[in-house]
Amino acid sequence: MNPIDQAILDFFTHYRVDSLVFVMLIITYTGSSLVVGGLTLLSAISFYIHKHTSNIIPLLITIGGSTITTYLIKHIVDRARPLGAIYTELSPSFPSGHATTAMALYGFMIYTIWSQSTKTSRDEHRSLHKFLTAGLVILILLIGLSRLYLGVHYFSDVLVGFFIGLIWILISRSIAKSKFWRLLVGEHL
């Protein structure tokens, strides 16, 4: 294990406060597979209802790709969880699934909001988009922080999880912008 991982783990273990543990458990839950799965389904339905169907498959590629990648890496690397965690996780530690799916889902939402804000000329929509974007960025960072605070991951687990989620957002958006994709879904070139 690298010294930075251990130093950060020791810091959070040493300064852990019972009153903040409950808050961090709530935050970490927003990156759980149950919440992310539910929000992914609701997002896909919302894209369909609001006629943004071109976002549905890229969303599913992002979530599915990042989940599968994380699962495979976890079982190839098979890194043990840190000692002294608030609760027991059964899967290997590296990379953080919560950090991966937080970046994948909430990062995809940020990309979608941001791309919509460039298309609107109304200032109140732009302000709302900026507020939502800032809130989602903070949520992603807090989910990563919660994993460290609760002692269920090392810093490198969270960092690589964020990276995997981001890579899958870029992959899905690249596919969605490709000529092949546009031909497949019947968009005019």
C-alpha atoms as a PDB file:
ATOM      1  CA  MET A   1       0.000   0.000   0.000  1.00  0.00           C
ATOM      2  CA  ASN A   2       1.270   3.455  -0.767  1.00  0.00           C
ATOM      3  CA  PRO A   3       2.030   5.910   2.062  1.00  0.00           C
ATOM      4  CA  ILE A   4      -0.561   8.459   0.863  1.00  0.00           C
ATOM      5  CA  ASP A   5      -3.362   5.883   1.149  1.00  0.00           C
ATOM      6  CA  GLN A   6      -2.277   5.002   4.674  1.00  0.00           C
ATOM      7  CA  ALA A   7      -1.845   8.634   5.756  1.00  0.00           C
ATOM      8  CA  ILE A   8      -5.318   9.599   4.523  1.00  0.00           C
ATOM      9  CA  LEU A   9      -6.881   6.506   6.122  1.00  0.00           C
ATOM     10  CA  ASP A  10      -5.132   7.297   9.421  1.00  0.00           C
ATOM     11  CA  PHE A  11      -6.322  10.919   9.267  1.00  0.00           C
ATOM     12  CA  PHE A  12      -9.982   9.979   8.840  1.00  0.00           C
ATOM     13  CA  THR A  13      -9.790   7.200  11.414  1.00  0.00           C
ATOM     14  CA  HIS A  14      -8.169   9.503  13.962  1.00  0.00           C
ATOM     15  CA  TYR A  15     -10.569  12.423  13.459  1.00  0.00           C
ATOM     16  CA  ARG A  16     -13.792  10.422  13.003  1.00  0.00           C
ATOM     17  CA  VAL A  17     -16.709  11.855  15.008  1.00  0.00           C
ATOM     18  CA  ASP A  18     -19.819   9.802  15.811  1.00  0.00           C
ATOM     19  CA  SER A  19     -22.223  12.620  14.936  1.00  0.00           C
ATOM     20  CA  LEU A  20     -20.761  12.892  11.428  1.00  0.00           C
ATOM     21  CA  VAL A  21     -20.787   9.142  10.786  1.00  0.00           C
ATOM     22  CA  PHE A  22     -24.575   9.152  10.313  1.00  0.00           C
ATOM     23  CA  VAL A  23     -24.356  12.010   7.801  1.00  0.00           C
ATOM     24  CA  MET A  24     -21.615  10.194   5.887  1.00  0.00           C
ATOM     25  CA  LEU A  25     -23.700   6.999   5.823  1.00  0.00           C
ATOM     26  CA  ILE A  26     -26.558   8.926   4.202  1.00  0.00           C
ATOM     27  CA  ILE A  27     -24.184  10.498   1.670  1.00  0.00           C
ATOM     28  CA  THR A  28     -22.535   7.175   0.850  1.00  0.00           C
ATOM     29  CA  TYR A  29     -25.963   5.637   0.261  1.00  0.00           C
ATOM     30  CA  THR A  30     -26.530   8.062  -2.651  1.00  0.00           C
ATOM     31  CA  GLY A  31     -23.711   6.223  -4.442  1.00  0.00           C
ATOM     32  CA  SER A  32     -25.050   2.737  -3.700  1.00  0.00           C
ATOM     33  CA  SER A  33     -26.127   0.384  -6.471  1.00  0.00           C
ATOM     34  CA  LEU A  34     -29.756   0.561  -5.318  1.00  0.00           C
ATOM     35  CA  VAL A  35     -29.943   4.366  -5.524  1.00  0.00           C
ATOM     36  CA  VAL A  36     -27.843   4.623  -8.688  1.00  0.00           C
ATOM     37  CA  GLY A  37     -29.881   1.861 -10.355  1.00  0.00           C
ATOM     38  CA  GLY A  38     -33.152   3.553  -9.428  1.00  0.00           C
ATOM     39  CA  LEU A  39     -31.977   6.977 -10.561  1.00  0.00           C
ATOM     40  CA  THR A  40     -30.651   5.525 -13.812  1.00  0.00           C
ATOM     41  CA  LEU A  41     -34.069   4.028 -14.531  1.00  0.00           C
ATOM     42  CA  LEU A  42     -35.838   7.290 -13.615  1.00  0.00           C
ATOM     43  CA  SER A  43     -33.384   9.277 -15.761  1.00  0.00           C
ATOM     44  CA  ALA A  44     -34.003   7.005 -18.757  1.00  0.00           C
ATOM     45  CA  ILE A  45     -37.767   7.407 -18.298  1.00  0.00           C
ATOM     46  CA  SER A  46     -37.360  11.173 -17.987  1.00  0.00           C
ATOM     47  CA  PHE A  47     -35.243  11.304 -21.161  1.00  0.00           C
ATOM     48  CA  TYR A  48     -37.980   9.362 -22.948  1.00  0.00           C
ATOM     49  CA  ILE A  49     -40.819  11.572 -21.661  1.00  0.00           C
ATOM     50  CA  HIS A  50     -38.973  14.809 -22.479  1.00  0.00           C
ATOM     51  CA  LYS A  51     -37.976  13.575 -25.948  1.00  0.00           C
ATOM     52  CA  HIS A  52     -34.246  13.390 -25.183  1.00  0.00           C
ATOM     53  CA  THR A  53     -34.126   9.731 -26.212  1.00  0.00           C
ATOM     54  CA  SER A  54     -30.645  10.137 -27.691  1.00  0.00           C
ATOM     55  CA  ASN A  55     -29.351  10.221 -24.083  1.00  0.00           C
ATOM     56  CA  ILE A  56     -30.839   6.882 -23.002  1.00  0.00           C
ATOM     57  CA  ILE A  57     -28.357   4.473 -24.622  1.00  0.00           C
ATOM     58  CA  PRO A  58     -25.296   6.605 -23.725  1.00  0.00           C
ATOM     59  CA  LEU A  59     -26.548   6.688 -20.101  1.00  0.00           C
ATOM     60  CA  LEU A  60     -26.914   2.901 -20.063  1.00  0.00           C
ATOM     61  CA  ILE A  61     -23.486   2.473 -21.706  1.00  0.00           C
ATOM     62  CA  THR A  62     -21.935   4.744 -19.060  1.00  0.00           C
ATOM     63  CA  ILE A  63     -23.541   2.994 -16.087  1.00  0.00           C
ATOM     64  CA  GLY A  64     -23.184  -0.526 -17.476  1.00  0.00           C
ATOM     65  CA  GLY A  65     -19.629  -0.072 -18.713  1.00  0.00           C
ATOM     66  CA  SER A  66     -18.394   1.505 -15.503  1.00  0.00           C
ATOM     67  CA  THR A  67     -20.119  -1.131 -13.357  1.00  0.00           C
ATOM     68  CA  ILE A  68     -18.689  -4.042 -15.352  1.00  0.00           C
ATOM     69  CA  THR A  69     -15.218  -2.475 -15.450  1.00  0.00           C
ATOM     70  CA  THR A  70     -15.232  -1.927 -11.692  1.00  0.00           C
ATOM     71  CA  TYR A  71     -16.439  -5.472 -11.028  1.00  0.00           C
ATOM     72  CA  LEU A  72     -13.710  -6.982 -13.205  1.00  0.00           C
ATOM     73  CA  ILE A  73     -10.913  -4.851 -11.738  1.00  0.00           C
ATOM     74  CA  LYS A  74     -12.089  -5.561  -8.176  1.00  0.00           C
ATOM     75  CA  HIS A  75     -11.832  -9.297  -8.741  1.00  0.00           C
ATOM     76  CA  ILE A  76      -8.571  -9.155 -10.688  1.00  0.00           C
ATOM     77  CA  VAL A  77      -6.759  -6.928  -8.167  1.00  0.00           C
ATOM     78  CA  ASP A  78      -8.563  -8.387  -5.107  1.00  0.00           C
ATOM     79  CA  ARG A  79      -7.325  -5.685  -2.719  1.00  0.00           C
ATOM     80  CA  ALA A  80      -8.325  -6.144   0.921  1.00  0.00           C
ATOM     81  CA  ARG A  81     -10.489  -3.498   2.561  1.00  0.00           C
ATOM     82  CA  PRO A  82      -8.937  -1.185   5.148  1.00  0.00           C
ATOM     83  CA  LEU A  83      -9.073  -2.259   8.768  1.00  0.00           C
ATOM     84  CA  GLY A  84     -11.223  -0.269  11.180  1.00  0.00           C
ATOM     85  CA  ALA A  85     -14.103   0.482   8.828  1.00  0.00           C
ATOM     86  CA  ILE A  86     -17.440   1.625  10.264  1.00  0.00           C
ATOM     87  CA  TYR A  87     -19.181  -1.296   8.581  1.00  0.00           C
ATOM     88  CA  THR A  88     -18.138  -4.381   6.641  1.00  0.00           C
ATOM     89  CA  GLU A  89     -18.147  -4.492   2.847  1.00  0.00           C
ATOM     90  CA  LEU A  90     -17.822  -7.919   1.274  1.00  0.00           C
ATOM     91  CA  SER A  91     -16.362  -7.016  -2.121  1.00  0.00           C
ATOM     92  CA  PRO A  92     -12.704  -6.163  -2.706  1.00  0.00           C
ATOM     93  CA  SER A  93     -11.627  -2.581  -2.101  1.00  0.00           C
ATOM     94  CA  PHE A  94     -10.046  -1.477  -5.395  1.00  0.00           C
ATOM     95  CA  PRO A  95     -11.604   0.444  -7.112  1.00  0.00           C
ATOM     96  CA  SER A  96     -14.511   2.028  -5.233  1.00  0.00           C
ATOM     97  CA  GLY A  97     -17.805   1.050  -6.807  1.00  0.00           C
ATOM     98  CA  HIS A  98     -19.566   3.947  -5.077  1.00  0.00           C
ATOM     99  CA  ALA A  99     -17.079   6.468  -6.476  1.00  0.00           C
ATOM    100  CA  THR A 100     -17.316   4.897  -9.937  1.00  0.00           C
ATOM    101  CA  THR A 101     -21.100   4.923 -10.140  1.00  0.00           C
ATOM    102  CA  ALA A 102     -21.322   8.375  -8.532  1.00  0.00           C
ATOM    103  CA  MET A 103     -19.076   9.790 -11.232  1.00  0.00           C
ATOM    104  CA  ALA A 104     -20.802   7.773 -13.961  1.00  0.00           C
ATOM    105  CA  LEU A 105     -24.387   8.744 -13.102  1.00  0.00           C
ATOM    106  CA  TYR A 106     -24.028  12.198 -11.605  1.00  0.00           C
ATOM    107  CA  GLY A 107     -21.227  13.074 -14.024  1.00  0.00           C
ATOM    108  CA  PHE A 108     -23.443  12.016 -16.927  1.00  0.00           C
ATOM    109  CA  MET A 109     -26.161  14.270 -15.522  1.00  0.00           C
ATOM    110  CA  ILE A 110     -23.659  17.141 -15.313  1.00  0.00           C
ATOM    111  CA  TYR A 111     -22.682  16.607 -18.949  1.00  0.00           C
ATOM    112  CA  THR A 112     -26.337  16.510 -19.986  1.00  0.00           C
ATOM    113  CA  ILE A 113     -27.241  19.646 -18.008  1.00  0.00           C
ATOM    114  CA  TRP A 114     -24.174  21.454 -19.318  1.00  0.00           C
ATOM    115  CA  SER A 115     -24.902  20.571 -22.928  1.00  0.00           C
ATOM    116  CA  GLN A 116     -28.500  21.765 -22.505  1.00  0.00           C
ATOM    117  CA  SER A 117     -27.391  25.039 -20.917  1.00  0.00           C
ATOM    118  CA  THR A 118     -25.400  25.917 -24.031  1.00  0.00           C
ATOM    119  CA  LYS A 119     -28.612  25.558 -26.076  1.00  0.00           C
ATOM    120  CA  THR A 120     -30.779  27.845 -23.940  1.00  0.00           C
ATOM    121  CA  SER A 121     -30.772  31.609 -24.036  1.00  0.00           C
ATOM    122  CA  ARG A 122     -32.857  32.148 -20.910  1.00  0.00           C
ATOM    123  CA  ASP A 123     -30.836  33.422 -17.968  1.00  0.00           C
ATOM    124  CA  GLU A 124     -33.034  31.719 -15.352  1.00  0.00           C
ATOM    125  CA  HIS A 125     -32.358  28.345 -16.994  1.00  0.00           C
ATOM    126  CA  ARG A 126     -28.630  29.010 -17.090  1.00  0.00           C
ATOM    127  CA  SER A 127     -28.661  29.916 -13.390  1.00  0.00           C
ATOM    128  CA  LEU A 128     -30.572  26.728 -12.574  1.00  0.00           C
ATOM    129  CA  HIS A 129     -28.137  24.688 -14.683  1.00  0.00           C
ATOM    130  CA  LYS A 130     -25.157  26.192 -12.855  1.00  0.00           C
ATOM    131  CA  PHE A 131     -26.780  25.483  -9.487  1.00  0.00           C
ATOM    132  CA  LEU A 132     -27.581  21.864 -10.424  1.00  0.00           C
ATOM    133  CA  THR A 133     -24.097  21.336 -11.838  1.00  0.00           C
ATOM    134  CA  ALA A 134     -22.437  22.685  -8.683  1.00  0.00           C
ATOM    135  CA  GLY A 135     -24.695  20.518  -6.518  1.00  0.00           C
ATOM    136  CA  LEU A 136     -23.867  17.371  -8.478  1.00  0.00           C
ATOM    137  CA  VAL A 137     -20.111  18.095  -8.405  1.00  0.00           C
ATOM    138  CA  ILE A 138     -20.325  18.508  -4.631  1.00  0.00           C
ATOM    139  CA  LEU A 139     -22.353  15.287  -4.321  1.00  0.00           C
ATOM    140  CA  ILE A 140     -19.770  13.302  -6.316  1.00  0.00           C
ATOM    141  CA  LEU A 141     -16.941  14.640  -4.132  1.00  0.00           C
ATOM    142  CA  LEU A 142     -18.905  14.010  -0.926  1.00  0.00           C
ATOM    143  CA  ILE A 143     -19.616  10.406  -1.927  1.00  0.00           C
ATOM    144  CA  GLY A 144     -15.886   9.843  -2.438  1.00  0.00           C
ATOM    145  CA  LEU A 145     -15.138  11.570   0.866  1.00  0.00           C
ATOM    146  CA  SER A 146     -17.753   9.461   2.654  1.00  0.00           C
ATOM    147  CA  ARG A 147     -16.031   6.265   1.515  1.00  0.00           C
ATOM    148  CA  LEU A 148     -12.787   7.510   3.058  1.00  0.00           C
ATOM    149  CA  TYR A 149     -14.437   8.841   6.217  1.00  0.00           C
ATOM    150  CA  LEU A 150     -16.229   5.548   6.848  1.00  0.00           C
ATOM    151  CA  GLY A 151     -12.938   3.708   6.333  1.00  0.00           C
ATOM    152  CA  VAL A 152     -14.262   1.322   3.680  1.00  0.00           C
ATOM    153  CA  HIS A 153     -11.827   2.488   0.975  1.00  0.00           C
ATOM    154  CA  TYR A 154      -8.370   3.857   0.432  1.00  0.00           C
ATOM    155  CA  PHE A 155      -7.832   7.169  -1.370  1.00  0.00           C
ATOM    156  CA  SER A 156      -6.516   5.425  -4.500  1.00  0.00           C
ATOM    157  CA  ASP A 157      -9.686   3.267  -4.609  1.00  0.00           C
ATOM    158  CA  VAL A 158     -11.835   6.400  -4.777  1.00  0.00           C
ATOM    159  CA  LEU A 159      -9.581   8.210  -7.239  1.00  0.00           C
ATOM    160  CA  VAL A 160      -9.520   5.298  -9.677  1.00  0.00           C
ATOM    161  CA  GLY A 161     -13.289   4.870  -9.257  1.00  0.00           C
ATOM    162  CA  PHE A 162     -13.809   8.503 -10.277  1.00  0.00           C
ATOM    163  CA  PHE A 163     -11.497   7.972 -13.251  1.00  0.00           C
ATOM    164  CA  ILE A 164     -13.376   4.860 -14.451  1.00  0.00           C
ATOM    165  CA  GLY A 165     -16.716   6.673 -14.269  1.00  0.00           C
ATOM    166  CA  LEU A 166     -15.306   9.642 -16.179  1.00  0.00           C
ATOM    167  CA  ILE A 167     -13.768   7.422 -18.866  1.00  0.00           C
ATOM    168  CA  TRP A 168     -17.131   5.724 -19.454  1.00  0.00           C
ATOM    169  CA  ILE A 169     -18.888   9.089 -19.770  1.00  0.00           C
ATOM    170  CA  LEU A 170     -16.345  10.056 -22.442  1.00  0.00           C
ATOM    171  CA  ILE A 171     -16.700   6.699 -24.203  1.00  0.00           C
ATOM    172  CA  SER A 172     -20.497   6.873 -24.303  1.00  0.00           C
ATOM    173  CA  ARG A 173     -20.512  10.490 -25.488  1.00  0.00           C
ATOM    174  CA  SER A 174     -17.942   9.663 -28.203  1.00  0.00           C
ATOM    175  CA  ILE A 175     -20.111   6.795 -29.403  1.00  0.00           C
ATOM    176  CA  ALA A 176     -23.189   9.053 -29.395  1.00  0.00           C
ATOM    177  CA  LYS A 177     -21.371  11.652 -31.526  1.00  0.00           C
ATOM    178  CA  SER A 178     -20.008   9.144 -34.048  1.00  0.00           C
ATOM    179  CA  LYS A 179     -21.316   8.916 -37.614  1.00  0.00           C
ATOM    180  CA  PHE A 180     -22.086   5.233 -37.073  1.00  0.00           C
ATOM    181  CA  TRP A 181     -24.295   6.031 -34.078  1.00  0.00           C
ATOM    182  CA  ARG A 182     -26.139   8.787 -35.915  1.00  0.00           C
ATOM    183  CA  LEU A 183     -26.789   6.434 -38.838  1.00  0.00           C
ATOM    184  CA  LEU A 184     -27.918   3.723 -36.431  1.00  0.00           C
ATOM    185  CA  VAL A 185     -30.471   5.939 -34.701  1.00  0.00           C
ATOM    186  CA  GLY A 186     -31.547   7.605 -37.957  1.00  0.00           C
ATOM    187  CA  GLU A 187     -30.209  11.127 -37.368  1.00  0.00           C
ATOM    188  CA  HIS A 188     -29.337  13.199 -40.414  1.00  0.00           C
ATOM    189  CA  LEU A 189     -25.614  13.766 -40.920  1.00  0.00           C
END
